[in-house]
Structure formats: C-alpha cells, structure tokens
Amino acid sequence: MVNWMYAVRRTACIVMMVLACIFAAGLTVGAKTTLEFWHSWGTNEDFQATLDRFEALYPDIEINAVPLAASGRESKVLAAMISNTAPDVLMATRSEVIQFADVQMIIPIDNFVRDYGINLSRFYRAEIDGFKWDNQLWALPMPTSGGNESLIFYNKDVFAELGLNPEIAPKTWQDIEALAKRANRWEGGLLTRLGFDVATFNRYNALLYSNNGNFLSPDGRSAAFGSPEGRYALEWMYRFTNEVNGGLTAIRTLTAGAINDRFMEGKVAAVYAGVSVFPVFLSNEVNFGVGLIPYNADNPNAFHRGVAGRLYGWGYVMPTSIPASKIDAAFKFIKFLTTEPQGGCEFLKVSARPTPLRDCNADRSYFQRNPHWDVVGQALELDVPYPMTPVDASIQPLINNMVTAVMNGQQSPSAGIDNAVRQVQAILDAFWADKDSR
C-alpha cells in the first residue's frame, strides 16, 4: 500500500467528522455557490452544453470546470488530495475512488442517495457495485465502466468474403478458433490478415471471466485466478496465439499497436473492443456486427459473462477538503451528471454511448442511432464488477508480465500462473494485514 494513504488517514477522518457535524446542523448554501470541478472530458462541446443545462436549472450554482490533460493528470490529482487543495467535485477513475475511499479522503454518499431518493436499482449492478468499498458507496458513475470487456466486434465484409453468415457473431472460443483458421492469411512469411487476437493481458481478464473464472475471491483477500478456469484460459491463449496465429511477433507486426485501425481496414476479422468504439466505427462507415463476449463451450458453467470496471470507469466524488457550505450544491451537481435526463443521459446519447442507467438506455433514439443497441444492453446486464482493491495498481503489472512471458514462450502457462499467484497474494496479504490492524 502506498505510504501517502496512511499519512493522511487520521486527518481525513477528523475532516469528515467536522463536515458531518456542520452539515447536520443545517448550514445553508449561499445565494450563489461556485463549484470547482476537475474533469477529463477535455473541451468537448456536448459536455459544455451539459454544464450549461445544469446552470440553467440551478441558477444559484456556478460550475468552474477545469479539464485535466491525460498527461500528468494522476500526479496532479494525487498532490491536490494530499495537500487538501482538491476541487469541490472530482471526476475520478474507479481505482482512484477505491484508493481515496480506503483512507477516507472522499465523502461517502449513502446518506445523500437516501435523502435525495435516488433509486440505485436504475443502475446496472456492475456499475453501482463497482464504487462500493467498506460497505459504503463513494461515487455515482458516468459513463459506463461496463461493456468494455464484454463485446466482440466483427467485420461483416470479411465474414461474407469467407463464406460466413455476416449476421451471426462468434459465440464461443471454439467459433473464434475456427474463424482464425479460416481468416488468417500469410504472404512472404508475413501475416497479412488476422482472424482474432487474444495475446494481451487485457484479453486474459476477458477470457478468465468468460470461462466462469474470477480474479479475486469475493472478499478481495485471495488471488482466485489460479483456479482451473484461470489456468485453462491462459493455456488456451498460449495455444491460440502460437499454434493458430503464428506467434506474438507476427501479430504485432501486422497490428502495430492499432488493431482497431486494422479492423476498419479489413485486415482483422474480429476484435474485442469497448462501447467507446461505436462512434469511431459508425463515423468511418465500417460494416460491422456486434456480439456478446464469446465463452468457452467446453466448460458447461461458462457463459457470456463480461467484467466491468478494471480497464475503465469514472465516478464523481466530493473530496473531504470541500467547504461544508458547498456540499449540498456539489451533490446536486453529481446527481445531475449521473442520474438526470438532461445530464449524463443526454450527453452520452449524443455520442451513442450507453449510460449506467437502464431507463436512459431505453430511449428509442439510441436504437435508431446504433442498430446494435440490444446487444449492448444484454452485455451491461451480464457484466460483473471487477474486484478492485486499493493495491490494484501494484497487481496489474504482474498480470501483464505473466501474459507477456507466457505468450513469448519464456514461461509455461502453468509456471506463469503459479508465479503470478504468489506475487499477487503477497501484495494482498500485506494490504489486508495493515488494514485489519487499523
């Protein structure tokens, strides 16, 4: 666990108690409240229009929106949180939310949700459960963290050329393997067309869950990917990459880090991708289809199950440094962004991206803009939340190293799993031992 978390924990607790007492005493918001809001939407005109709609609905609240560049964002946010100079509302990554919650540097929102009558069942389970820690809710989500490791996109033109039905997506790992054997093309010793690629640590996570595996135990204390399901997923990745696709070097030479571009060019038949690619594929007029994440048909317990909140996920939080006089206005703003039709619902609808809210996604205009919307809804319902812990940033590089070493033949799948489980468990044991002693 990083040391800064514990250095501020006691101060954060005191701040939270003081804020709670003041707020409970009925301190009222002034005639005009200005909220400083840090976000990662850049200069997006549609997002600015969303802020304008909020200010029109709440003329007593003004939003000073500060877009954060991706470069240096994490260090800037961390420095602000530690020094108590954070904004009044922060758009935070899911991992940041869990880390800040663990040391009580943000305000839990369960009481606000209750007092404002927010029905959490409107949210997909993976979306809302992903922002819980220590049996409390710390943020409301927007956009979705789901749908990013639970969909497969396939090029209908390539399918038609191969004599495959362009209206039927691959449903199982076995379908993927058959597709790759049919689609892969070699010229002069080089791979010139690829059926499907699974050779990244991101794909391992998707395969783990679509083989009915889990990364951690339900309580987050034990590494669970060393299970038979996790071992089989890595072994299948290795065989598929080396026996069907000709090895990691051949794949990387063709894709060159831009597999979605190769997909749009017809050089890759199908890809795992998230909901954020819809605007890109639609604007480039790619003739594509969408299916649920393929599962291992050889495992009778496996099914179309994706995992949400590991790769992406944004929540909106109130740091404990917020003045008590601004708390009510800040939550009204968070509520607007994440639950109200004129907020995140309208903003995401413009870009054809789903919201974390079922009722917003039921808007018929979504189906008119995106012919695959029913599949997106199914994926969001099936997604389960990734078991995020405050030490996940230390864990993920180990999984990356494991997958890279195995795909390159530097370790066997069995040895890779054994080594990674030991390393991950050591990190978890140290974290929980410290947390339990607090």
Protein backbone atom coordinates (compact mmCIF):
# COMPACT_ATOMS: atom_id res chain seq x y z
CA MET A 1 0.00 0.00 0.00
CA VAL A 2 1.42 3.38 -0.86
CA ASN A 3 2.53 5.40 2.17
CA TRP A 4 0.63 8.61 1.38
CA MET A 5 -2.66 6.88 2.09
CA TYR A 6 -1.82 6.22 5.71
CA ALA A 7 -0.14 9.57 6.24
CA VAL A 8 -3.45 11.34 5.62
CA ARG A 9 -5.93 8.85 7.04
CA ARG A 10 -6.24 10.38 10.52
CA THR A 11 -6.53 13.94 9.19
CA ALA A 12 -9.17 12.82 6.71
CA CYS A 13 -11.22 11.21 9.48
CA ILE A 14 -11.22 14.42 11.51
CA VAL A 15 -12.20 16.48 8.49
CA MET A 16 -15.07 14.12 7.71
CA MET A 17 -16.41 14.30 11.29
CA VAL A 18 -16.30 18.08 11.29
CA LEU A 19 -18.06 18.24 7.93
CA ALA A 20 -20.74 15.84 9.06
CA CYS A 21 -21.44 17.86 12.20
CA ILE A 22 -21.64 21.15 10.33
CA PHE A 23 -23.86 19.70 7.62
CA ALA A 24 -26.14 18.08 10.18
CA ALA A 25 -26.51 21.45 11.91
CA GLY A 26 -28.28 22.73 8.84
CA LEU A 27 -25.70 25.07 7.32
CA THR A 28 -27.33 26.52 4.20
CA VAL A 29 -25.89 27.27 0.79
CA GLY A 30 -25.44 30.93 -0.04
CA ALA A 31 -27.22 32.81 -2.79
CA LYS A 32 -24.53 31.88 -5.32
CA THR A 33 -22.24 28.89 -4.94
CA THR A 34 -19.28 28.35 -7.25
CA LEU A 35 -18.06 24.77 -7.56
CA GLU A 36 -14.61 23.97 -8.89
CA PHE A 37 -14.89 20.81 -10.95
CA TRP A 38 -11.97 18.86 -12.41
CA HIS A 39 -12.85 16.54 -15.26
CA SER A 40 -11.40 14.55 -18.14
CA TRP A 41 -13.84 15.44 -20.90
CA GLY A 42 -11.48 17.98 -22.45
CA THR A 43 -13.11 20.74 -24.48
CA ASN A 44 -15.99 18.55 -25.60
CA GLU A 45 -18.74 20.92 -26.77
CA ASP A 46 -21.51 18.48 -25.85
CA PHE A 47 -20.19 18.27 -22.30
CA GLN A 48 -20.07 22.05 -22.05
CA ALA A 49 -23.68 22.09 -23.18
CA THR A 50 -24.43 19.70 -20.31
CA LEU A 51 -22.85 22.10 -17.83
CA ASP A 52 -24.88 24.94 -19.33
CA ARG A 53 -28.07 22.96 -18.82
CA PHE A 54 -27.19 22.41 -15.17
CA GLU A 55 -26.57 26.09 -14.55
CA ALA A 56 -29.88 26.93 -16.23
CA LEU A 57 -31.70 24.52 -13.90
CA TYR A 58 -29.75 25.66 -10.83
CA PRO A 59 -29.07 29.40 -11.27
CA ASP A 60 -27.73 29.63 -7.73
CA ILE A 61 -24.83 27.26 -8.62
CA GLU A 62 -21.97 28.10 -10.96
CA ILE A 63 -19.57 25.48 -12.30
CA ASN A 64 -15.92 26.38 -12.79
CA ALA A 65 -14.99 23.42 -14.99
CA VAL A 66 -11.28 22.63 -15.28
CA PRO A 67 -10.36 19.99 -17.91
CA LEU A 68 -7.33 17.90 -16.98
CA ALA A 69 -4.92 16.73 -19.65
CA ALA A 70 -4.24 13.00 -19.60
CA SER A 71 -0.51 13.61 -19.25
CA GLY A 72 0.29 14.32 -15.62
CA ARG A 73 -3.33 14.03 -14.52
CA GLU A 74 -2.78 11.31 -11.93
CA SER A 75 0.06 13.11 -10.15
CA LYS A 76 -1.85 16.42 -10.14
CA VAL A 77 -4.93 14.81 -8.61
CA LEU A 78 -2.89 12.97 -6.00
CA ALA A 79 -0.96 16.10 -5.00
CA ALA A 80 -4.20 18.06 -4.64
CA MET A 81 -5.83 15.37 -2.50
CA ILE A 82 -2.84 15.10 -0.16
CA SER A 83 -2.48 18.88 0.25
CA ASN A 84 -6.22 19.47 0.78
CA THR A 85 -6.35 21.66 -2.34
CA ALA A 86 -8.62 19.35 -4.32
CA PRO A 87 -11.59 20.71 -6.25
CA ASP A 88 -15.10 20.62 -4.84
CA VAL A 89 -16.07 17.85 -7.29
CA LEU A 90 -13.61 15.48 -8.93
CA MET A 91 -14.12 13.11 -11.85
CA ALA A 92 -12.03 10.19 -10.61
CA THR A 93 -11.07 6.83 -12.05
CA ARG A 94 -12.53 3.77 -10.41
CA SER A 95 -9.16 2.80 -8.92
CA GLU A 96 -8.74 6.32 -7.50
CA VAL A 97 -12.19 6.20 -5.94
CA ILE A 98 -11.36 2.96 -4.12
CA GLN A 99 -7.94 4.23 -3.00
CA PHE A 100 -9.30 7.55 -1.74
CA ALA A 101 -12.23 5.82 -0.05
CA ASP A 102 -9.94 3.45 1.81
CA VAL A 103 -8.18 6.35 3.53
CA GLN A 104 -11.35 8.46 3.80
CA MET A 105 -10.19 11.29 1.57
CA ILE A 106 -13.62 11.50 -0.08
CA ILE A 107 -17.11 11.68 1.38
CA PRO A 108 -19.35 8.60 1.30
CA ILE A 109 -22.67 9.34 -0.36
CA ASP A 110 -25.08 6.77 1.07
CA ASN A 111 -26.91 9.41 3.13
CA PHE A 112 -27.19 11.73 0.13
CA VAL A 113 -28.57 8.92 -2.01
CA ARG A 114 -31.18 8.20 0.67
CA ASP A 115 -32.09 11.83 1.33
CA TYR A 116 -32.47 12.64 -2.38
CA GLY A 117 -34.46 9.48 -3.03
CA ILE A 118 -32.11 8.09 -5.68
CA ASN A 119 -33.17 4.61 -6.74
CA LEU A 120 -29.93 2.68 -7.19
CA SER A 121 -31.76 -0.14 -8.97
CA ARG A 122 -31.86 2.17 -12.01
CA PHE A 123 -28.14 1.42 -12.39
CA TYR A 124 -26.74 -1.81 -13.79
CA ARG A 125 -25.39 -3.85 -10.90
CA ALA A 126 -21.78 -3.83 -12.07
CA GLU A 127 -21.85 -0.04 -12.44
CA ILE A 128 -23.02 0.84 -8.95
CA ASP A 129 -21.35 -2.03 -7.07
CA GLY A 130 -18.02 -1.01 -8.60
CA PHE A 131 -17.96 2.15 -6.47
CA LYS A 132 -18.57 0.47 -3.13
CA TRP A 133 -15.84 -0.05 -0.56
CA ASP A 134 -16.05 -0.92 3.13
CA ASN A 135 -19.81 -1.39 2.71
CA GLN A 136 -20.30 2.22 1.64
CA LEU A 137 -20.97 3.93 -1.67
CA TRP A 138 -18.48 6.64 -2.64
CA ALA A 139 -19.38 7.76 -6.17
CA LEU A 140 -22.01 7.66 -8.87
CA PRO A 141 -20.83 6.55 -12.32
CA MET A 142 -20.85 8.21 -15.75
CA PRO A 143 -20.14 6.91 -18.38
CA THR A 144 -20.36 3.13 -18.11
CA SER A 145 -17.42 1.05 -16.98
CA GLY A 146 -19.30 -1.94 -18.37
CA GLY A 147 -19.39 -3.02 -21.98
CA ASN A 148 -15.61 -2.67 -22.27
CA GLU A 149 -14.65 -6.31 -21.73
CA SER A 150 -17.86 -7.98 -22.80
CA LEU A 151 -18.34 -7.35 -26.54
CA ILE A 152 -16.89 -8.71 -29.79
CA PHE A 153 -16.98 -6.65 -32.99
CA TYR A 154 -16.69 -8.40 -36.35
CA ASN A 155 -16.26 -7.11 -39.90
CA LYS A 156 -19.28 -8.21 -41.92
CA ASP A 157 -17.49 -7.72 -45.26
CA VAL A 158 -14.70 -10.06 -44.21
CA PHE A 159 -17.23 -12.59 -42.94
CA ALA A 160 -19.08 -12.52 -46.26
CA GLU A 161 -15.79 -12.97 -48.15
CA LEU A 162 -15.03 -16.01 -46.01
CA GLY A 163 -18.44 -17.51 -46.69
CA LEU A 164 -19.63 -16.94 -43.12
CA ASN A 165 -23.04 -15.59 -42.21
CA PRO A 166 -22.43 -11.84 -41.65
CA GLU A 167 -25.44 -11.64 -39.34
CA ILE A 168 -24.13 -14.16 -36.80
CA ALA A 169 -21.38 -13.22 -34.35
CA PRO A 170 -18.92 -15.79 -32.97
CA LYS A 171 -20.45 -17.12 -29.75
CA THR A 172 -17.73 -19.36 -28.31
CA TRP A 173 -13.96 -19.69 -28.10
CA GLN A 174 -14.30 -22.56 -30.49
CA ASP A 175 -16.02 -20.25 -33.00
CA ILE A 176 -13.13 -17.81 -32.66
CA GLU A 177 -10.59 -20.52 -33.33
CA ALA A 178 -12.48 -21.69 -36.41
CA LEU A 179 -12.71 -18.09 -37.64
CA ALA A 180 -8.98 -17.52 -37.21
CA LYS A 181 -8.05 -20.67 -39.10
CA ARG A 182 -10.28 -19.54 -41.95
CA ALA A 183 -9.36 -15.85 -41.97
CA ASN A 184 -5.60 -15.81 -41.34
CA ARG A 185 -3.57 -15.01 -44.46
CA TRP A 186 0.19 -15.22 -44.97
CA GLU A 187 2.26 -13.66 -47.75
CA GLY A 188 6.03 -13.93 -47.97
CA GLY A 189 6.23 -15.26 -44.43
CA LEU A 190 4.23 -12.31 -43.04
CA LEU A 191 0.79 -12.37 -41.53
CA THR A 192 -1.33 -10.08 -43.72
CA ARG A 193 -4.79 -10.76 -42.31
CA LEU A 194 -5.69 -11.84 -38.80
CA GLY A 195 -8.83 -13.56 -37.66
CA PHE A 196 -8.68 -12.64 -33.97
CA ASP A 197 -6.07 -11.69 -31.35
CA VAL A 198 -6.10 -12.68 -27.68
CA ALA A 199 -2.42 -12.15 -26.85
CA THR A 200 -2.63 -9.29 -24.32
CA PHE A 201 -3.09 -9.21 -20.58
CA ASN A 202 -6.37 -7.33 -21.11
CA ARG A 203 -7.65 -10.29 -23.07
CA TYR A 204 -6.62 -12.67 -20.30
CA ASN A 205 -9.04 -10.94 -17.98
CA ALA A 206 -11.85 -11.24 -20.53
CA LEU A 207 -11.12 -14.91 -21.12
CA LEU A 208 -10.90 -15.60 -17.40
CA TYR A 209 -14.42 -14.33 -16.78
CA SER A 210 -15.90 -15.87 -19.92
CA ASN A 211 -14.58 -19.22 -18.66
CA ASN A 212 -16.50 -18.71 -15.39
CA GLY A 213 -13.36 -17.70 -13.52
CA ASN A 214 -12.74 -14.85 -11.08
CA PHE A 215 -9.69 -12.72 -10.48
CA LEU A 216 -10.04 -12.46 -6.70
CA SER A 217 -12.18 -14.10 -4.05
CA PRO A 218 -15.47 -12.33 -3.21
CA ASP A 219 -13.91 -10.67 -0.15
CA GLY A 220 -10.91 -9.43 -2.16
CA ARG A 221 -8.42 -11.18 0.11
CA SER A 222 -7.25 -14.04 -2.11
CA ALA A 223 -6.00 -14.46 -5.66
CA ALA A 224 -8.56 -16.63 -7.46
CA PHE A 225 -7.18 -16.69 -11.00
CA GLY A 226 -5.04 -19.72 -10.17
CA SER A 227 -8.20 -21.81 -10.41
CA PRO A 228 -8.66 -24.45 -13.13
CA GLU A 229 -10.69 -21.87 -15.08
CA GLY A 230 -7.87 -19.33 -14.90
CA ARG A 231 -5.22 -21.85 -15.84
CA TYR A 232 -7.20 -23.14 -18.79
CA ALA A 233 -7.78 -19.58 -20.05
CA LEU A 234 -4.03 -18.86 -20.11
CA GLU A 235 -3.22 -22.21 -21.71
CA TRP A 236 -5.83 -21.60 -24.42
CA MET A 237 -4.42 -18.11 -25.06
CA TYR A 238 -0.96 -19.58 -25.48
CA ARG A 239 -2.07 -22.32 -27.88
CA PHE A 240 -4.24 -19.98 -29.90
CA THR A 241 -1.51 -17.33 -30.20
CA ASN A 242 1.29 -19.68 -31.17
CA GLU A 243 -0.39 -22.58 -32.96
CA VAL A 244 -3.13 -20.69 -34.82
CA ASN A 245 -1.86 -17.12 -35.16
CA GLY A 246 1.82 -17.84 -35.70
CA GLY A 247 3.19 -16.19 -32.59
CA LEU A 248 3.28 -12.80 -30.93
CA THR A 249 5.78 -11.23 -33.33
CA ALA A 250 3.66 -11.99 -36.39
CA ILE A 251 0.59 -10.48 -34.74
CA ARG A 252 2.36 -7.35 -33.54
CA THR A 253 3.96 -6.78 -36.94
CA LEU A 254 0.54 -6.68 -38.55
CA THR A 255 -1.39 -4.77 -35.90
CA ALA A 256 1.42 -2.37 -34.85
CA GLY A 257 -0.49 -1.31 -31.76
CA ALA A 258 -3.53 -0.18 -33.76
CA ILE A 259 -5.69 -3.27 -34.05
CA ASN A 260 -8.92 -1.27 -34.36
CA ASP A 261 -7.46 0.54 -37.38
CA ARG A 262 -6.56 -2.80 -38.98
CA PHE A 263 -10.10 -3.95 -38.22
CA MET A 264 -11.59 -0.98 -40.06
CA GLU A 265 -9.22 -1.71 -42.98
CA GLY A 266 -10.46 -5.31 -43.18
CA LYS A 267 -7.10 -6.75 -42.10
CA VAL A 268 -8.54 -8.11 -38.84
CA ALA A 269 -11.79 -10.05 -38.95
CA ALA A 270 -12.93 -9.52 -35.35
CA VAL A 271 -11.81 -7.74 -32.19
CA TYR A 272 -12.60 -7.40 -28.53
CA ALA A 273 -13.50 -3.72 -28.07
CA GLY A 274 -15.46 -1.49 -25.75
CA VAL A 275 -18.51 0.69 -26.20
CA SER A 276 -16.32 3.75 -26.82
CA VAL A 277 -15.52 2.50 -30.36
CA PHE A 278 -19.10 2.82 -31.56
CA PRO A 279 -18.74 6.47 -32.63
CA VAL A 280 -15.46 5.65 -34.39
CA PHE A 281 -16.75 2.63 -36.31
CA LEU A 282 -20.03 4.33 -37.14
CA SER A 283 -18.42 7.56 -38.36
CA ASN A 284 -15.99 5.56 -40.53
CA GLU A 285 -18.93 3.65 -42.00
CA VAL A 286 -17.47 0.26 -41.12
CA ASN A 287 -19.83 -2.58 -41.94
CA PHE A 288 -19.63 -4.29 -38.57
CA GLY A 289 -21.64 -6.56 -36.34
CA VAL A 290 -21.59 -6.94 -32.57
CA GLY A 291 -21.93 -9.96 -30.31
CA LEU A 292 -21.61 -10.81 -26.64
CA ILE A 293 -18.20 -11.90 -25.42
CA PRO A 294 -17.53 -15.47 -26.58
CA TYR A 295 -17.31 -18.11 -23.85
CA ASN A 296 -15.60 -21.49 -23.55
CA ALA A 297 -18.12 -24.02 -24.82
CA ASP A 298 -16.04 -26.84 -23.31
CA ASN A 299 -16.86 -25.53 -19.83
CA PRO A 300 -20.52 -26.28 -19.00
CA ASN A 301 -20.53 -23.46 -16.42
CA ALA A 302 -19.20 -20.77 -18.76
CA PHE A 303 -21.41 -18.22 -20.49
CA HIS A 304 -21.40 -14.71 -21.99
CA ARG A 305 -20.03 -13.01 -18.86
CA GLY A 306 -18.03 -9.81 -19.07
CA VAL A 307 -16.30 -7.88 -16.31
CA ALA A 308 -16.70 -4.16 -15.69
CA GLY A 309 -14.53 -1.54 -14.10
CA ARG A 310 -10.99 -2.80 -14.50
CA LEU A 311 -9.98 -1.04 -17.71
CA TYR A 312 -12.22 1.99 -17.44
CA GLY A 313 -14.72 3.60 -15.15
CA TRP A 314 -15.28 7.15 -13.93
CA GLY A 315 -17.10 8.32 -10.84
CA TYR A 316 -17.82 11.77 -9.41
CA VAL A 317 -16.70 12.39 -5.84
CA MET A 318 -16.58 15.07 -3.18
CA PRO A 319 -13.13 15.33 -1.56
CA THR A 320 -13.16 15.87 2.21
CA SER A 321 -11.48 19.24 1.66
CA ILE A 322 -14.72 20.66 0.25
CA PRO A 323 -16.15 23.54 2.33
CA ALA A 324 -19.25 22.46 4.22
CA SER A 325 -21.22 25.30 2.64
CA LYS A 326 -20.74 23.69 -0.79
CA ILE A 327 -21.60 20.08 -0.04
CA ASP A 328 -25.28 20.25 -0.90
CA ALA A 329 -24.61 22.08 -4.18
CA ALA A 330 -21.85 19.60 -5.05
CA PHE A 331 -24.11 16.60 -4.64
CA LYS A 332 -26.85 18.26 -6.66
CA PHE A 333 -24.29 18.60 -9.44
CA ILE A 334 -23.18 14.97 -9.13
CA LYS A 335 -26.80 13.85 -9.10
CA PHE A 336 -27.50 15.86 -12.26
CA LEU A 337 -24.49 14.45 -14.12
CA THR A 338 -25.22 10.86 -13.26
CA THR A 339 -28.98 10.40 -12.83
CA GLU A 340 -30.94 13.13 -14.61
CA PRO A 341 -32.14 13.03 -18.24
CA GLN A 342 -30.62 16.41 -19.09
CA GLY A 343 -27.30 15.42 -17.53
CA GLY A 344 -25.24 12.37 -18.42
CA CYS A 345 -28.16 10.73 -20.19
CA GLU A 346 -28.40 13.45 -22.81
CA PHE A 347 -24.62 13.92 -23.05
CA LEU A 348 -23.88 10.25 -23.72
CA LYS A 349 -26.83 9.82 -26.04
CA VAL A 350 -25.32 12.37 -28.43
CA SER A 351 -22.23 10.17 -28.87
CA ALA A 352 -24.22 6.91 -28.99
CA ARG A 353 -22.53 5.66 -25.83
CA PRO A 354 -24.52 3.90 -23.12
CA THR A 355 -25.17 5.33 -19.69
CA PRO A 356 -25.01 3.36 -16.44
CA LEU A 357 -28.81 3.78 -16.20
CA ARG A 358 -31.21 1.26 -17.71
CA ASP A 359 -34.01 3.76 -18.23
CA CYS A 360 -31.78 6.21 -20.10
CA ASN A 361 -30.55 3.47 -22.40
CA ALA A 362 -34.15 2.54 -23.21
CA ASP A 363 -34.55 5.80 -25.16
CA ARG A 364 -35.60 4.82 -28.69
CA SER A 365 -33.19 7.29 -30.27
CA TYR A 366 -30.34 5.02 -29.14
CA PHE A 367 -31.73 2.18 -31.24
CA GLN A 368 -32.11 4.50 -34.21
CA ARG A 369 -28.50 5.68 -33.97
CA ASN A 370 -26.99 2.31 -33.15
CA PRO A 371 -28.50 -0.88 -34.63
CA HIS A 372 -26.59 -2.98 -32.08
CA TRP A 373 -28.13 -1.38 -29.01
CA ASP A 374 -29.93 -4.51 -27.84
CA VAL A 375 -26.61 -6.37 -27.62
CA VAL A 376 -25.09 -3.54 -25.59
CA GLY A 377 -27.97 -3.76 -23.11
CA GLN A 378 -27.51 -7.51 -22.75
CA ALA A 379 -23.79 -7.08 -22.10
CA LEU A 380 -24.36 -4.45 -19.40
CA GLU A 381 -26.84 -6.71 -17.64
CA LEU A 382 -24.44 -9.68 -17.71
CA ASP A 383 -21.34 -7.76 -16.61
CA VAL A 384 -19.99 -8.35 -13.12
CA PRO A 385 -17.81 -5.81 -11.28
CA TYR A 386 -14.08 -6.35 -11.28
CA PRO A 387 -12.85 -6.80 -7.67
CA MET A 388 -10.92 -3.55 -7.37
CA THR A 389 -8.73 -3.05 -4.29
CA PRO A 390 -6.54 -0.10 -3.27
CA VAL A 391 -3.47 -2.11 -4.33
CA ASP A 392 -4.70 -2.99 -7.82
CA ALA A 393 -2.13 -0.67 -9.41
CA SER A 394 0.58 -2.90 -7.96
CA ILE A 395 -1.15 -6.07 -9.10
CA GLN A 396 -1.94 -5.35 -12.74
CA PRO A 397 1.71 -5.07 -13.91
CA LEU A 398 2.29 -8.56 -12.56
CA ILE A 399 -0.52 -9.93 -14.74
CA ASN A 400 0.88 -8.07 -17.72
CA ASN A 401 4.31 -9.59 -17.09
CA MET A 402 2.78 -13.05 -16.72
CA VAL A 403 0.91 -12.90 -20.01
CA THR A 404 3.85 -11.41 -21.92
CA ALA A 405 6.27 -14.03 -20.62
CA VAL A 406 3.91 -16.90 -21.43
CA MET A 407 2.98 -15.63 -24.90
CA ASN A 408 6.68 -15.21 -25.72
CA GLY A 409 7.47 -18.72 -24.53
CA GLN A 410 9.63 -17.54 -21.64
CA GLN A 411 7.42 -19.36 -19.15
CA SER A 412 4.94 -22.17 -19.42
CA PRO A 413 1.32 -21.24 -18.68
CA SER A 414 1.43 -23.30 -15.50
CA ALA A 415 4.63 -21.70 -14.23
CA GLY A 416 3.38 -18.25 -15.19
CA ILE A 417 0.17 -18.69 -13.22
CA ASP A 418 1.98 -20.11 -10.18
CA ASN A 419 4.44 -17.23 -10.09
CA ALA A 420 1.79 -14.55 -10.55
CA VAL A 421 -0.50 -16.02 -7.89
CA ARG A 422 2.35 -15.98 -5.35
CA GLN A 423 3.19 -12.36 -6.13
CA VAL A 424 -0.40 -11.14 -6.10
CA GLN A 425 -1.19 -12.99 -2.88
CA ALA A 426 1.82 -11.42 -1.16
CA ILE A 427 0.57 -7.95 -2.06
CA LEU A 428 -2.95 -8.74 -0.88
CA ASP A 429 -1.74 -10.27 2.38
CA ALA A 430 0.34 -7.19 3.20
CA PHE A 431 -2.52 -4.83 2.41
CA TRP A 432 -5.15 -6.68 4.40
CA ALA A 433 -2.84 -7.22 7.37
CA ASP A 434 -2.32 -3.48 7.57
CA LYS A 435 -5.98 -2.66 7.02
CA ASP A 436 -7.13 -5.13 9.64
CA SER A 437 -4.76 -3.55 12.17
CA ARG A 438 -6.13 -0.03 11.78
